[in-house]
Amino acid sequence: MEKVKLVIQNLNRQEIAIENEEKTIIFYLGEAGIDWMQSCGQKGRCTTCAFEVIDGAENLSQLTEAEEKFRTLGRLRTNERLACQAKAKGNIVISVPESLKLPHIKYSK
């Protein structure tokens, strides 16, 4: 696998190296020490770990059953994915949705 970058746009364009396309985005966020909202223990049972895809949607794994369900229910927009479900196969740029921002983190534009 070539070097893959995950860039978080509204966290001052912080970059994280993705080294294994079999691990989820939430795994790499945790490895980088980035606090990210999550309530269900990374089981795909809620949408609190959702992120907005700014660029590189084609570099993400296929939607999981959980993500399909939440889209059908209207709880996950078409430009959103779950960090506990999605895996990166190429460079992506994401951001934290306004409604899921944590109060102790200073977000950029």
C-alpha atoms as a PDB file:
ATOM      1  CA  MET A   1       0.000   0.000   0.000  1.00  0.00           C
ATOM      2  CA  GLU A   2       1.348   3.463  -0.897  1.00  0.00           C
ATOM      3  CA  LYS A   3       1.457   6.145   1.741  1.00  0.00           C
ATOM      4  CA  VAL A   4      -2.070   7.356   2.287  1.00  0.00           C
ATOM      5  CA  LYS A   5      -2.964  10.599   4.044  1.00  0.00           C
ATOM      6  CA  LEU A   6      -6.054  11.464   6.037  1.00  0.00           C
ATOM      7  CA  VAL A   7      -6.378  15.243   6.364  1.00  0.00           C
ATOM      8  CA  ILE A   8      -8.826  16.771   8.845  1.00  0.00           C
ATOM      9  CA  GLN A   9      -9.702  20.126   7.331  1.00  0.00           C
ATOM     10  CA  ASN A  10     -11.267  21.815  10.350  1.00  0.00           C
ATOM     11  CA  LEU A  11      -8.541  20.639  12.736  1.00  0.00           C
ATOM     12  CA  ASN A  12      -5.934  22.908  11.144  1.00  0.00           C
ATOM     13  CA  ARG A  13      -5.545  20.442   8.255  1.00  0.00           C
ATOM     14  CA  GLN A  14      -3.941  17.909  10.579  1.00  0.00           C
ATOM     15  CA  GLU A  15      -2.531  14.959   8.625  1.00  0.00           C
ATOM     16  CA  ILE A  16      -2.547  11.321   9.677  1.00  0.00           C
ATOM     17  CA  ALA A  17      -0.722   8.541   7.849  1.00  0.00           C
ATOM     18  CA  ILE A  18      -2.896   5.530   7.003  1.00  0.00           C
ATOM     19  CA  GLU A  19      -0.755   2.411   6.856  1.00  0.00           C
ATOM     20  CA  ASN A  20      -3.309  -0.387   6.589  1.00  0.00           C
ATOM     21  CA  GLU A  21      -6.486  -0.151   4.531  1.00  0.00           C
ATOM     22  CA  GLU A  22      -8.101  -2.837   6.701  1.00  0.00           C
ATOM     23  CA  LYS A  23      -8.263  -0.553   9.753  1.00  0.00           C
ATOM     24  CA  THR A  24     -11.024   2.004  10.231  1.00  0.00           C
ATOM     25  CA  ILE A  25     -10.689   5.772  10.285  1.00  0.00           C
ATOM     26  CA  ILE A  26     -11.537   5.821  14.016  1.00  0.00           C
ATOM     27  CA  PHE A  27      -8.540   3.544  14.678  1.00  0.00           C
ATOM     28  CA  TYR A  28      -6.183   6.054  13.066  1.00  0.00           C
ATOM     29  CA  LEU A  29      -7.806   9.014  14.815  1.00  0.00           C
ATOM     30  CA  GLY A  30      -7.219   7.260  18.133  1.00  0.00           C
ATOM     31  CA  GLU A  31      -3.630   6.358  17.213  1.00  0.00           C
ATOM     32  CA  ALA A  32      -2.998  10.048  16.486  1.00  0.00           C
ATOM     33  CA  GLY A  33      -4.446  11.050  19.879  1.00  0.00           C
ATOM     34  CA  ILE A  34      -7.358  12.958  18.351  1.00  0.00           C
ATOM     35  CA  ASP A  35     -10.529  13.062  20.429  1.00  0.00           C
ATOM     36  CA  TRP A  36     -13.441  12.097  18.208  1.00  0.00           C
ATOM     37  CA  MET A  37     -17.055  11.760  19.276  1.00  0.00           C
ATOM     38  CA  GLN A  38     -18.197   8.144  19.643  1.00  0.00           C
ATOM     39  CA  SER A  39     -20.929   6.643  21.781  1.00  0.00           C
ATOM     40  CA  CYS A  40     -21.507   3.022  20.814  1.00  0.00           C
ATOM     41  CA  GLY A  41     -18.008   1.636  21.230  1.00  0.00           C
ATOM     42  CA  GLN A  42     -17.284   1.573  17.496  1.00  0.00           C
ATOM     43  CA  LYS A  43     -20.051  -0.915  16.754  1.00  0.00           C
ATOM     44  CA  GLY A  44     -21.883   1.070  14.048  1.00  0.00           C
ATOM     45  CA  ARG A  45     -24.968   1.456  16.231  1.00  0.00           C
ATOM     46  CA  CYS A  46     -25.107   5.248  16.282  1.00  0.00           C
ATOM     47  CA  THR A  47     -23.894   8.140  14.151  1.00  0.00           C
ATOM     48  CA  THR A  48     -21.838  10.090  16.674  1.00  0.00           C
ATOM     49  CA  CYS A  49     -18.527   9.323  14.921  1.00  0.00           C
ATOM     50  CA  ALA A  50     -19.724  10.635  11.551  1.00  0.00           C
ATOM     51  CA  PHE A  51     -17.422  12.771   9.443  1.00  0.00           C
ATOM     52  CA  GLU A  52     -17.991  14.879   6.348  1.00  0.00           C
ATOM     53  CA  VAL A  53     -16.058  13.866   3.254  1.00  0.00           C
ATOM     54  CA  ILE A  54     -14.549  16.972   1.642  1.00  0.00           C
ATOM     55  CA  ASP A  55     -12.409  15.203  -0.952  1.00  0.00           C
ATOM     56  CA  GLY A  56     -11.537  11.615  -1.843  1.00  0.00           C
ATOM     57  CA  ALA A  57     -14.880   9.835  -1.335  1.00  0.00           C
ATOM     58  CA  GLU A  58     -13.813   7.385  -4.042  1.00  0.00           C
ATOM     59  CA  ASN A  59     -10.877   6.381  -1.806  1.00  0.00           C
ATOM     60  CA  LEU A  60     -13.124   5.078   0.965  1.00  0.00           C
ATOM     61  CA  SER A  61     -14.390   1.543   1.392  1.00  0.00           C
ATOM     62  CA  GLN A  62     -17.923   0.672   0.291  1.00  0.00           C
ATOM     63  CA  LEU A  63     -20.765   1.686   2.610  1.00  0.00           C
ATOM     64  CA  THR A  64     -21.332  -0.870   5.332  1.00  0.00           C
ATOM     65  CA  GLU A  65     -24.733  -2.257   6.254  1.00  0.00           C
ATOM     66  CA  ALA A  66     -24.830   0.093   9.259  1.00  0.00           C
ATOM     67  CA  GLU A  67     -24.070   3.141   7.100  1.00  0.00           C
ATOM     68  CA  GLU A  68     -26.716   2.110   4.548  1.00  0.00           C
ATOM     69  CA  LYS A  69     -29.252   1.789   7.372  1.00  0.00           C
ATOM     70  CA  PHE A  70     -28.491   5.250   8.749  1.00  0.00           C
ATOM     71  CA  ARG A  71     -28.691   6.798   5.266  1.00  0.00           C
ATOM     72  CA  THR A  72     -32.099   5.179   4.767  1.00  0.00           C
ATOM     73  CA  LEU A  73     -33.215   6.566   8.121  1.00  0.00           C
ATOM     74  CA  GLY A  74     -31.942  10.052   7.192  1.00  0.00           C
ATOM     75  CA  ARG A  75     -29.350  10.085   9.996  1.00  0.00           C
ATOM     76  CA  LEU A  76     -26.315  10.033   7.680  1.00  0.00           C
ATOM     77  CA  ARG A  77     -26.103  12.470   4.768  1.00  0.00           C
ATOM     78  CA  THR A  78     -24.702  11.440   1.404  1.00  0.00           C
ATOM     79  CA  ASN A  79     -21.408  13.265   2.111  1.00  0.00           C
ATOM     80  CA  GLU A  80     -21.008  11.646   5.535  1.00  0.00           C
ATOM     81  CA  ARG A  81     -19.473   8.370   6.650  1.00  0.00           C
ATOM     82  CA  LEU A  82     -18.986   6.682  10.013  1.00  0.00           C
ATOM     83  CA  ALA A  83     -15.401   6.724  11.287  1.00  0.00           C
ATOM     84  CA  CYS A  84     -15.943   3.356  12.973  1.00  0.00           C
ATOM     85  CA  GLN A  85     -16.976   1.762   9.676  1.00  0.00           C
ATOM     86  CA  ALA A  86     -15.122   3.524   6.838  1.00  0.00           C
ATOM     87  CA  LYS A  87     -11.628   2.521   5.737  1.00  0.00           C
ATOM     88  CA  ALA A  88      -9.302   4.581   3.534  1.00  0.00           C
ATOM     89  CA  LYS A  89      -7.663   3.131   0.441  1.00  0.00           C
ATOM     90  CA  GLY A  90      -6.313   6.463  -0.763  1.00  0.00           C
ATOM     91  CA  ASN A  91      -5.940  10.098   0.310  1.00  0.00           C
ATOM     92  CA  ILE A  92      -9.008  11.703   1.853  1.00  0.00           C
ATOM     93  CA  VAL A  93      -9.904  15.080   3.322  1.00  0.00           C
ATOM     94  CA  ILE A  94     -12.589  15.117   5.995  1.00  0.00           C
ATOM     95  CA  SER A  95     -14.067  17.491   8.559  1.00  0.00           C
ATOM     96  CA  VAL A  96     -15.969  17.215  11.806  1.00  0.00           C
ATOM     97  CA  PRO A  97     -19.664  18.084  11.300  1.00  0.00           C
ATOM     98  CA  GLU A  98     -20.807  21.131  13.261  1.00  0.00           C
ATOM     99  CA  SER A  99     -23.262  19.081  15.351  1.00  0.00           C
ATOM    100  CA  LEU A 100     -20.559  16.610  16.467  1.00  0.00           C
ATOM    101  CA  LYS A 101     -17.824  19.030  17.491  1.00  0.00           C
ATOM    102  CA  LEU A 102     -16.454  18.471  20.988  1.00  0.00           C
ATOM    103  CA  PRO A 103     -16.524  21.531  23.279  1.00  0.00           C
ATOM    104  CA  HIS A 104     -12.905  21.230  24.465  1.00  0.00           C
ATOM    105  CA  ILE A 105     -11.376  21.269  20.971  1.00  0.00           C
ATOM    106  CA  LYS A 106     -10.614  24.441  19.024  1.00  0.00           C
ATOM    107  CA  TYR A 107     -11.696  23.847  15.434  1.00  0.00           C
ATOM    108  CA  SER A 108     -10.472  25.807  12.442  1.00  0.00           C
ATOM    109  CA  LYS A 109     -12.437  26.712   9.321  1.00  0.00           C
END
